[in-house]
Amino acid sequence: GPVMGAYTKGLANSGPAGWQTVLREDVGWEK
């Protein structure tokens, strides 16, 4: 199956990205 969901507008670096690591300190809201 997929990894699928809805996100509030502007939330960045959050969601499916294959095996890519996104560190927690780099998740944020777009300017």
PDB file of all heavy atoms in Angstrom:
ATOM      1  N   GLY A   1       0.794  -1.222   0.000  1.00  0.00           N
ATOM      2  CA  GLY A   1       0.000   0.000   0.000  1.00  0.00           C
ATOM      3  C   GLY A   1       0.826   1.271   0.000  1.00  0.00           C
ATOM      4  O   GLY A   1       2.055   1.253   0.037  1.00  0.00           O
ATOM      5  N   PRO A   2       0.147   2.415  -0.023  1.00  0.00           N
ATOM      6  CA  PRO A   2       0.839   3.703   0.017  1.00  0.00           C
ATOM      7  C   PRO A   2       0.967   4.224   1.437  1.00  0.00           C
ATOM      8  O   PRO A   2       0.353   3.710   2.360  1.00  0.00           O
ATOM      9  CB  PRO A   2      -0.106   4.603  -0.782  1.00  0.00           C
ATOM     10  CG  PRO A   2      -1.464   4.087  -0.405  1.00  0.00           C
ATOM     11  CD  PRO A   2      -1.303   2.582  -0.252  1.00  0.00           C
ATOM     12  N   VAL A   3       1.757   5.250   1.592  1.00  0.00           N
ATOM     13  CA  VAL A   3       1.729   6.062   2.788  1.00  0.00           C
ATOM     14  C   VAL A   3       1.029   7.341   2.311  1.00  0.00           C
ATOM     15  O   VAL A   3       1.506   8.024   1.422  1.00  0.00           O
ATOM     16  CB  VAL A   3       3.139   6.315   3.345  1.00  0.00           C
ATOM     17  CG1 VAL A   3       4.079   6.853   2.316  1.00  0.00           C
ATOM     18  CG2 VAL A   3       3.091   7.198   4.550  1.00  0.00           C
ATOM     19  N   MET A   4      -0.152   7.626   2.855  1.00  0.00           N
ATOM     20  CA  MET A   4      -0.993   8.676   2.288  1.00  0.00           C
ATOM     21  C   MET A   4      -1.710   9.449   3.381  1.00  0.00           C
ATOM     22  O   MET A   4      -2.197   8.862   4.347  1.00  0.00           O
ATOM     23  CB  MET A   4      -2.024   8.060   1.330  1.00  0.00           C
ATOM     24  CG  MET A   4      -2.941   9.081   0.685  1.00  0.00           C
ATOM     25  SD  MET A   4      -4.043   8.364  -0.560  1.00  0.00           S
ATOM     26  CE  MET A   4      -5.162   7.432   0.488  1.00  0.00           C
ATOM     27  N   GLY A   5      -1.775  10.757   3.207  1.00  0.00           N
ATOM     28  CA  GLY A   5      -2.474  11.562   4.182  1.00  0.00           C
ATOM     29  C   GLY A   5      -2.682  12.984   3.727  1.00  0.00           C
ATOM     30  O   GLY A   5      -2.248  13.383   2.641  1.00  0.00           O
ATOM     31  N   ALA A   6      -3.350  13.774   4.546  1.00  0.00           N
ATOM     32  CA  ALA A   6      -3.592  15.185   4.277  1.00  0.00           C
ATOM     33  C   ALA A   6      -2.768  16.032   5.238  1.00  0.00           C
ATOM     34  O   ALA A   6      -2.568  15.649   6.396  1.00  0.00           O
ATOM     35  CB  ALA A   6      -5.073  15.505   4.430  1.00  0.00           C
ATOM     36  N   TYR A   7      -2.320  17.192   4.747  1.00  0.00           N
ATOM     37  CA  TYR A   7      -1.446  18.074   5.510  1.00  0.00           C
ATOM     38  C   TYR A   7      -1.968  19.498   5.475  1.00  0.00           C
ATOM     39  O   TYR A   7      -2.438  19.980   4.440  1.00  0.00           O
ATOM     40  CB  TYR A   7      -0.033  18.055   4.914  1.00  0.00           C
ATOM     41  CG  TYR A   7       0.694  16.756   5.105  1.00  0.00           C
ATOM     42  CD1 TYR A   7       0.369  15.639   4.341  1.00  0.00           C
ATOM     43  CD2 TYR A   7       1.702  16.647   6.045  1.00  0.00           C
ATOM     44  CE1 TYR A   7       1.034  14.440   4.524  1.00  0.00           C
ATOM     45  CE2 TYR A   7       2.376  15.449   6.232  1.00  0.00           C
ATOM     46  CZ  TYR A   7       2.038  14.353   5.470  1.00  0.00           C
ATOM     47  OH  TYR A   7       2.694  13.162   5.659  1.00  0.00           O
ATOM     48  N   THR A   8      -1.847  20.181   6.592  1.00  0.00           N
ATOM     49  CA  THR A   8      -2.192  21.594   6.636  1.00  0.00           C
ATOM     50  C   THR A   8      -1.266  22.369   5.704  1.00  0.00           C
ATOM     51  O   THR A   8      -0.078  22.066   5.593  1.00  0.00           O
ATOM     52  CB  THR A   8      -2.047  22.127   8.073  1.00  0.00           C
ATOM     53  OG1 THR A   8      -2.933  21.396   8.926  1.00  0.00           O
ATOM     54  CG2 THR A   8      -2.393  23.603   8.145  1.00  0.00           C
ATOM     55  N   LYS A   9      -1.815  23.375   5.042  1.00  0.00           N
ATOM     56  CA  LYS A   9      -1.062  24.169   4.079  1.00  0.00           C
ATOM     57  C   LYS A   9       0.216  24.742   4.701  1.00  0.00           C
ATOM     58  O   LYS A   9       0.192  25.286   5.797  1.00  0.00           O
ATOM     59  CB  LYS A   9      -1.927  25.313   3.565  1.00  0.00           C
ATOM     60  CG  LYS A   9      -1.262  26.171   2.492  1.00  0.00           C
ATOM     61  CD  LYS A   9      -2.183  27.276   2.013  1.00  0.00           C
ATOM     62  CE  LYS A   9      -1.519  28.134   0.941  1.00  0.00           C
ATOM     63  NZ  LYS A   9      -2.427  29.224   0.470  1.00  0.00           N
ATOM     64  N   GLY A  10       1.324  24.575   3.986  1.00  0.00           N
ATOM     65  CA  GLY A  10       2.583  25.177   4.399  1.00  0.00           C
ATOM     66  C   GLY A  10       3.479  24.318   5.263  1.00  0.00           C
ATOM     67  O   GLY A  10       4.625  24.700   5.529  1.00  0.00           O
ATOM     68  N   LEU A  11       2.998  23.163   5.701  1.00  0.00           N
ATOM     69  CA  LEU A  11       3.854  22.296   6.509  1.00  0.00           C
ATOM     70  C   LEU A  11       4.931  21.699   5.606  1.00  0.00           C
ATOM     71  O   LEU A  11       4.632  21.057   4.598  1.00  0.00           O
ATOM     72  CB  LEU A  11       3.035  21.191   7.166  1.00  0.00           C
ATOM     73  CG  LEU A  11       3.796  20.266   8.116  1.00  0.00           C
ATOM     74  CD1 LEU A  11       4.405  21.042   9.269  1.00  0.00           C
ATOM     75  CD2 LEU A  11       2.872  19.173   8.648  1.00  0.00           C
ATOM     76  N   ALA A  12       6.177  21.914   5.957  1.00  0.00           N
ATOM     77  CA  ALA A  12       7.291  21.528   5.091  1.00  0.00           C
ATOM     78  C   ALA A  12       8.144  20.434   5.705  1.00  0.00           C
ATOM     79  O   ALA A  12       8.234  20.300   6.931  1.00  0.00           O
ATOM     80  CB  ALA A  12       8.156  22.749   4.794  1.00  0.00           C
ATOM     81  N   ASN A  13       8.767  19.646   4.824  1.00  0.00           N
ATOM     82  CA  ASN A  13       9.654  18.542   5.220  1.00  0.00           C
ATOM     83  C   ASN A  13       8.917  17.508   6.059  1.00  0.00           C
ATOM     84  O   ASN A  13       9.486  16.899   6.972  1.00  0.00           O
ATOM     85  CB  ASN A  13      10.871  19.079   5.982  1.00  0.00           C
ATOM     86  CG  ASN A  13      11.684  20.038   5.143  1.00  0.00           C
ATOM     87  OD1 ASN A  13      11.743  19.917   3.922  1.00  0.00           O
ATOM     88  ND2 ASN A  13      12.303  21.020   5.784  1.00  0.00           N
ATOM     89  N   SER A  14       7.660  17.307   5.734  1.00  0.00           N
ATOM     90  CA  SER A  14       6.838  16.334   6.460  1.00  0.00           C
ATOM     91  C   SER A  14       6.027  15.530   5.461  1.00  0.00           C
ATOM     92  O   SER A  14       5.230  16.088   4.706  1.00  0.00           O
ATOM     93  CB  SER A  14       5.908  17.066   7.434  1.00  0.00           C
ATOM     94  OG  SER A  14       5.200  16.153   8.234  1.00  0.00           O
ATOM     95  N   GLY A  15       6.241  14.218   5.463  1.00  0.00           N
ATOM     96  CA  GLY A  15       5.539  13.357   4.519  1.00  0.00           C
ATOM     97  C   GLY A  15       6.479  12.328   3.930  1.00  0.00           C
ATOM     98  O   GLY A  15       7.653  12.248   4.316  1.00  0.00           O
ATOM     99  N   PRO A  16       6.006  11.526   2.989  1.00  0.00           N
ATOM    100  CA  PRO A  16       6.820  10.448   2.425  1.00  0.00           C
ATOM    101  C   PRO A  16       7.947  10.981   1.555  1.00  0.00           C
ATOM    102  O   PRO A  16       7.758  11.887   0.754  1.00  0.00           O
ATOM    103  CB  PRO A  16       5.818   9.637   1.605  1.00  0.00           C
ATOM    104  CG  PRO A  16       4.768  10.610   1.242  1.00  0.00           C
ATOM    105  CD  PRO A  16       4.659  11.552   2.393  1.00  0.00           C
ATOM    106  N   ALA A  17       9.125  10.410   1.733  1.00  0.00           N
ATOM    107  CA  ALA A  17      10.298  10.835   0.968  1.00  0.00           C
ATOM    108  C   ALA A  17      11.234   9.665   0.727  1.00  0.00           C
ATOM    109  O   ALA A  17      12.450   9.804   0.807  1.00  0.00           O
ATOM    110  CB  ALA A  17      11.027  11.956   1.711  1.00  0.00           C
ATOM    111  N   GLY A  18      10.661   8.487   0.459  1.00  0.00           N
ATOM    112  CA  GLY A  18      11.493   7.311   0.259  1.00  0.00           C
ATOM    113  C   GLY A  18      12.276   7.009   1.525  1.00  0.00           C
ATOM    114  O   GLY A  18      11.728   7.004   2.626  1.00  0.00           O
ATOM    115  N   TRP A  19      13.581   6.795   1.373  1.00  0.00           N
ATOM    116  CA  TRP A  19      14.437   6.504   2.531  1.00  0.00           C
ATOM    117  C   TRP A  19      15.089   7.767   3.085  1.00  0.00           C
ATOM    118  O   TRP A  19      15.876   7.703   4.035  1.00  0.00           O
ATOM    119  CB  TRP A  19      15.528   5.501   2.135  1.00  0.00           C
ATOM    120  CG  TRP A  19      15.015   4.183   1.703  1.00  0.00           C
ATOM    121  CD1 TRP A  19      14.975   3.694   0.436  1.00  0.00           C
ATOM    122  CD2 TRP A  19      14.441   3.163   2.531  1.00  0.00           C
ATOM    123  NE1 TRP A  19      14.417   2.434   0.420  1.00  0.00           N
ATOM    124  CE2 TRP A  19      14.079   2.093   1.694  1.00  0.00           C
ATOM    125  CE3 TRP A  19      14.182   3.058   3.902  1.00  0.00           C
ATOM    126  CZ2 TRP A  19      13.493   0.926   2.177  1.00  0.00           C
ATOM    127  CZ3 TRP A  19      13.594   1.896   4.379  1.00  0.00           C
ATOM    128  CH2 TRP A  19      13.259   0.846   3.529  1.00  0.00           C
ATOM    129  N   GLN A  20      14.785   8.909   2.495  1.00  0.00           N
ATOM    130  CA  GLN A  20      15.436  10.148   2.905  1.00  0.00           C
ATOM    131  C   GLN A  20      15.170  10.480   4.374  1.00  0.00           C
ATOM    132  O   GLN A  20      14.041  10.414   4.844  1.00  0.00           O
ATOM    133  CB  GLN A  20      14.949  11.303   2.031  1.00  0.00           C
ATOM    134  CG  GLN A  20      15.661  12.611   2.281  1.00  0.00           C
ATOM    135  CD  GLN A  20      15.091  13.727   1.426  1.00  0.00           C
ATOM    136  OE1 GLN A  20      14.079  14.326   1.773  1.00  0.00           O
ATOM    137  NE2 GLN A  20      15.714  13.985   0.288  1.00  0.00           N
ATOM    138  N   THR A  21      16.230  10.843   5.082  1.00  0.00           N
ATOM    139  CA  THR A  21      16.109  11.238   6.477  1.00  0.00           C
ATOM    140  C   THR A  21      15.866  12.741   6.564  1.00  0.00           C
ATOM    141  O   THR A  21      16.615  13.523   5.985  1.00  0.00           O
ATOM    142  CB  THR A  21      17.398  10.909   7.255  1.00  0.00           C
ATOM    143  OG1 THR A  21      17.686   9.517   7.117  1.00  0.00           O
ATOM    144  CG2 THR A  21      17.245  11.251   8.731  1.00  0.00           C
ATOM    145  N   VAL A  22      14.824  13.113   7.270  1.00  0.00           N
ATOM    146  CA  VAL A  22      14.572  14.521   7.581  1.00  0.00           C
ATOM    147  C   VAL A  22      14.678  14.662   9.094  1.00  0.00           C
ATOM    148  O   VAL A  22      13.898  14.066   9.836  1.00  0.00           O
ATOM    149  CB  VAL A  22      13.182  14.985   7.110  1.00  0.00           C
ATOM    150  CG1 VAL A  22      12.946  16.440   7.519  1.00  0.00           C
ATOM    151  CG2 VAL A  22      13.053  14.830   5.597  1.00  0.00           C
ATOM    152  N   LEU A  23      15.659  15.428   9.550  1.00  0.00           N
ATOM    153  CA  LEU A  23      15.854  15.584  10.980  1.00  0.00           C
ATOM    154  C   LEU A  23      14.730  16.424  11.573  1.00  0.00           C
ATOM    155  O   LEU A  23      14.203  17.339  10.939  1.00  0.00           O
ATOM    156  CB  LEU A  23      17.211  16.234  11.259  1.00  0.00           C
ATOM    157  CG  LEU A  23      18.424  15.426  10.761  1.00  0.00           C
ATOM    158  CD1 LEU A  23      19.709  16.198  11.012  1.00  0.00           C
ATOM    159  CD2 LEU A  23      18.478  14.056  11.424  1.00  0.00           C
ATOM    160  N   ARG A  24      14.365  16.126  12.810  1.00  0.00           N
ATOM    161  CA  ARG A  24      13.221  16.776  13.441  1.00  0.00           C
ATOM    162  C   ARG A  24      13.376  18.294  13.518  1.00  0.00           C
ATOM    163  O   ARG A  24      12.396  19.027  13.418  1.00  0.00           O
ATOM    164  CB  ARG A  24      13.002  16.202  14.843  1.00  0.00           C
ATOM    165  CG  ARG A  24      12.528  14.761  14.863  1.00  0.00           C
ATOM    166  CD  ARG A  24      11.250  14.595  14.113  1.00  0.00           C
ATOM    167  NE  ARG A  24      10.734  13.240  14.208  1.00  0.00           N
ATOM    168  CZ  ARG A  24       9.739  12.761  13.489  1.00  0.00           C
ATOM    169  NH1 ARG A  24       9.157  13.533  12.597  1.00  0.00           N
ATOM    170  NH2 ARG A  24       9.331  11.518  13.640  1.00  0.00           N
ATOM    171  N   GLU A  25      14.609  18.752  13.697  1.00  0.00           N
ATOM    172  CA  GLU A  25      14.812  20.190  13.827  1.00  0.00           C
ATOM    173  C   GLU A  25      14.600  20.935  12.512  1.00  0.00           C
ATOM    174  O   GLU A  25      14.516  22.167  12.488  1.00  0.00           O
ATOM    175  CB  GLU A  25      16.211  20.490  14.374  1.00  0.00           C
ATOM    176  CG  GLU A  25      17.359  19.961  13.555  1.00  0.00           C
ATOM    177  CD  GLU A  25      17.852  18.591  13.992  1.00  0.00           C
ATOM    178  OE1 GLU A  25      17.016  17.787  14.474  1.00  0.00           O
ATOM    179  OE2 GLU A  25      19.057  18.322  13.853  1.00  0.00           O
ATOM    180  N   ASP A  26      14.489  20.195  11.396  1.00  0.00           N
ATOM    181  CA  ASP A  26      14.327  20.815  10.084  1.00  0.00           C
ATOM    182  C   ASP A  26      12.894  20.812   9.578  1.00  0.00           C
ATOM    183  O   ASP A  26      12.629  21.223   8.440  1.00  0.00           O
ATOM    184  CB  ASP A  26      15.229  20.108   9.069  1.00  0.00           C
ATOM    185  CG  ASP A  26      16.711  20.283   9.387  1.00  0.00           C
ATOM    186  OD1 ASP A  26      17.048  21.261  10.068  1.00  0.00           O
ATOM    187  OD2 ASP A  26      17.505  19.426   8.966  1.00  0.00           O
ATOM    188  N   VAL A  27      11.950  20.338  10.383  1.00  0.00           N
ATOM    189  CA  VAL A  27      10.536  20.381  10.011  1.00  0.00           C
ATOM    190  C   VAL A  27       9.974  21.730  10.457  1.00  0.00           C
ATOM    191  O   VAL A  27      10.205  22.170  11.586  1.00  0.00           O
ATOM    192  CB  VAL A  27       9.750  19.243  10.682  1.00  0.00           C
ATOM    193  CG1 VAL A  27       8.260  19.360  10.358  1.00  0.00           C
ATOM    194  CG2 VAL A  27      10.291  17.886  10.233  1.00  0.00           C
ATOM    195  N   GLY A  28       9.241  22.409   9.559  1.00  0.00           N
ATOM    196  CA  GLY A  28       8.719  23.719   9.918  1.00  0.00           C
ATOM    197  C   GLY A  28       7.625  24.189   8.979  1.00  0.00           C
ATOM    198  O   GLY A  28       7.139  23.431   8.136  1.00  0.00           O
ATOM    199  N   TRP A  29       7.256  25.442   9.126  1.00  0.00           N
ATOM    200  CA  TRP A  29       6.231  26.070   8.283  1.00  0.00           C
ATOM    201  C   TRP A  29       6.903  27.001   7.282  1.00  0.00           C
ATOM    202  O   TRP A  29       7.834  27.734   7.623  1.00  0.00           O
ATOM    203  CB  TRP A  29       5.246  26.861   9.129  1.00  0.00           C
ATOM    204  CG  TRP A  29       4.443  26.013  10.067  1.00  0.00           C
ATOM    205  CD1 TRP A  29       4.653  25.844  11.403  1.00  0.00           C
ATOM    206  CD2 TRP A  29       3.303  25.213   9.736  1.00  0.00           C
ATOM    207  NE1 TRP A  29       3.727  24.988  11.939  1.00  0.00           N
ATOM    208  CE2 TRP A  29       2.881  24.573  10.930  1.00  0.00           C
ATOM    209  CE3 TRP A  29       2.607  24.956   8.560  1.00  0.00           C
ATOM    210  CZ2 TRP A  29       1.793  23.716  10.975  1.00  0.00           C
ATOM    211  CZ3 TRP A  29       1.518  24.103   8.595  1.00  0.00           C
ATOM    212  CH2 TRP A  29       1.119  23.492   9.789  1.00  0.00           C
ATOM    213  N   GLU A  30       6.425  26.957   6.050  1.00  0.00           N
ATOM    214  CA  GLU A  30       6.960  27.855   5.023  1.00  0.00           C
ATOM    215  C   GLU A  30       6.782  29.316   5.421  1.00  0.00           C
ATOM    216  O   GLU A  30       5.788  29.686   6.037  1.00  0.00           O
ATOM    217  CB  GLU A  30       6.207  27.643   3.703  1.00  0.00           C
ATOM    218  CG  GLU A  30       6.414  26.331   3.021  1.00  0.00           C
ATOM    219  CD  GLU A  30       5.621  26.261   1.730  1.00  0.00           C
ATOM    220  OE1 GLU A  30       5.841  27.136   0.863  1.00  0.00           O
ATOM    221  OE2 GLU A  30       4.753  25.379   1.597  1.00  0.00           O
ATOM    222  N   LYS A  31       7.764  30.133   5.022  1.00  0.00           N
ATOM    223  CA  LYS A  31       7.633  31.577   5.228  1.00  0.00           C
ATOM    224  C   LYS A  31       6.570  32.139   4.285  1.00  0.00           C
ATOM    225  O   LYS A  31       6.373  31.621   3.184  1.00  0.00           O
ATOM    226  CB  LYS A  31       8.968  32.273   4.952  1.00  0.00           C
ATOM    227  CG  LYS A  31      10.017  32.017   6.017  1.00  0.00           C
ATOM    228  CD  LYS A  31      11.306  32.760   5.696  1.00  0.00           C
ATOM    229  CE  LYS A  31      12.341  32.556   6.805  1.00  0.00           C
ATOM    230  NZ  LYS A  31      13.625  33.235   6.492  1.00  0.00           N
TER     231      LYS A  31
END
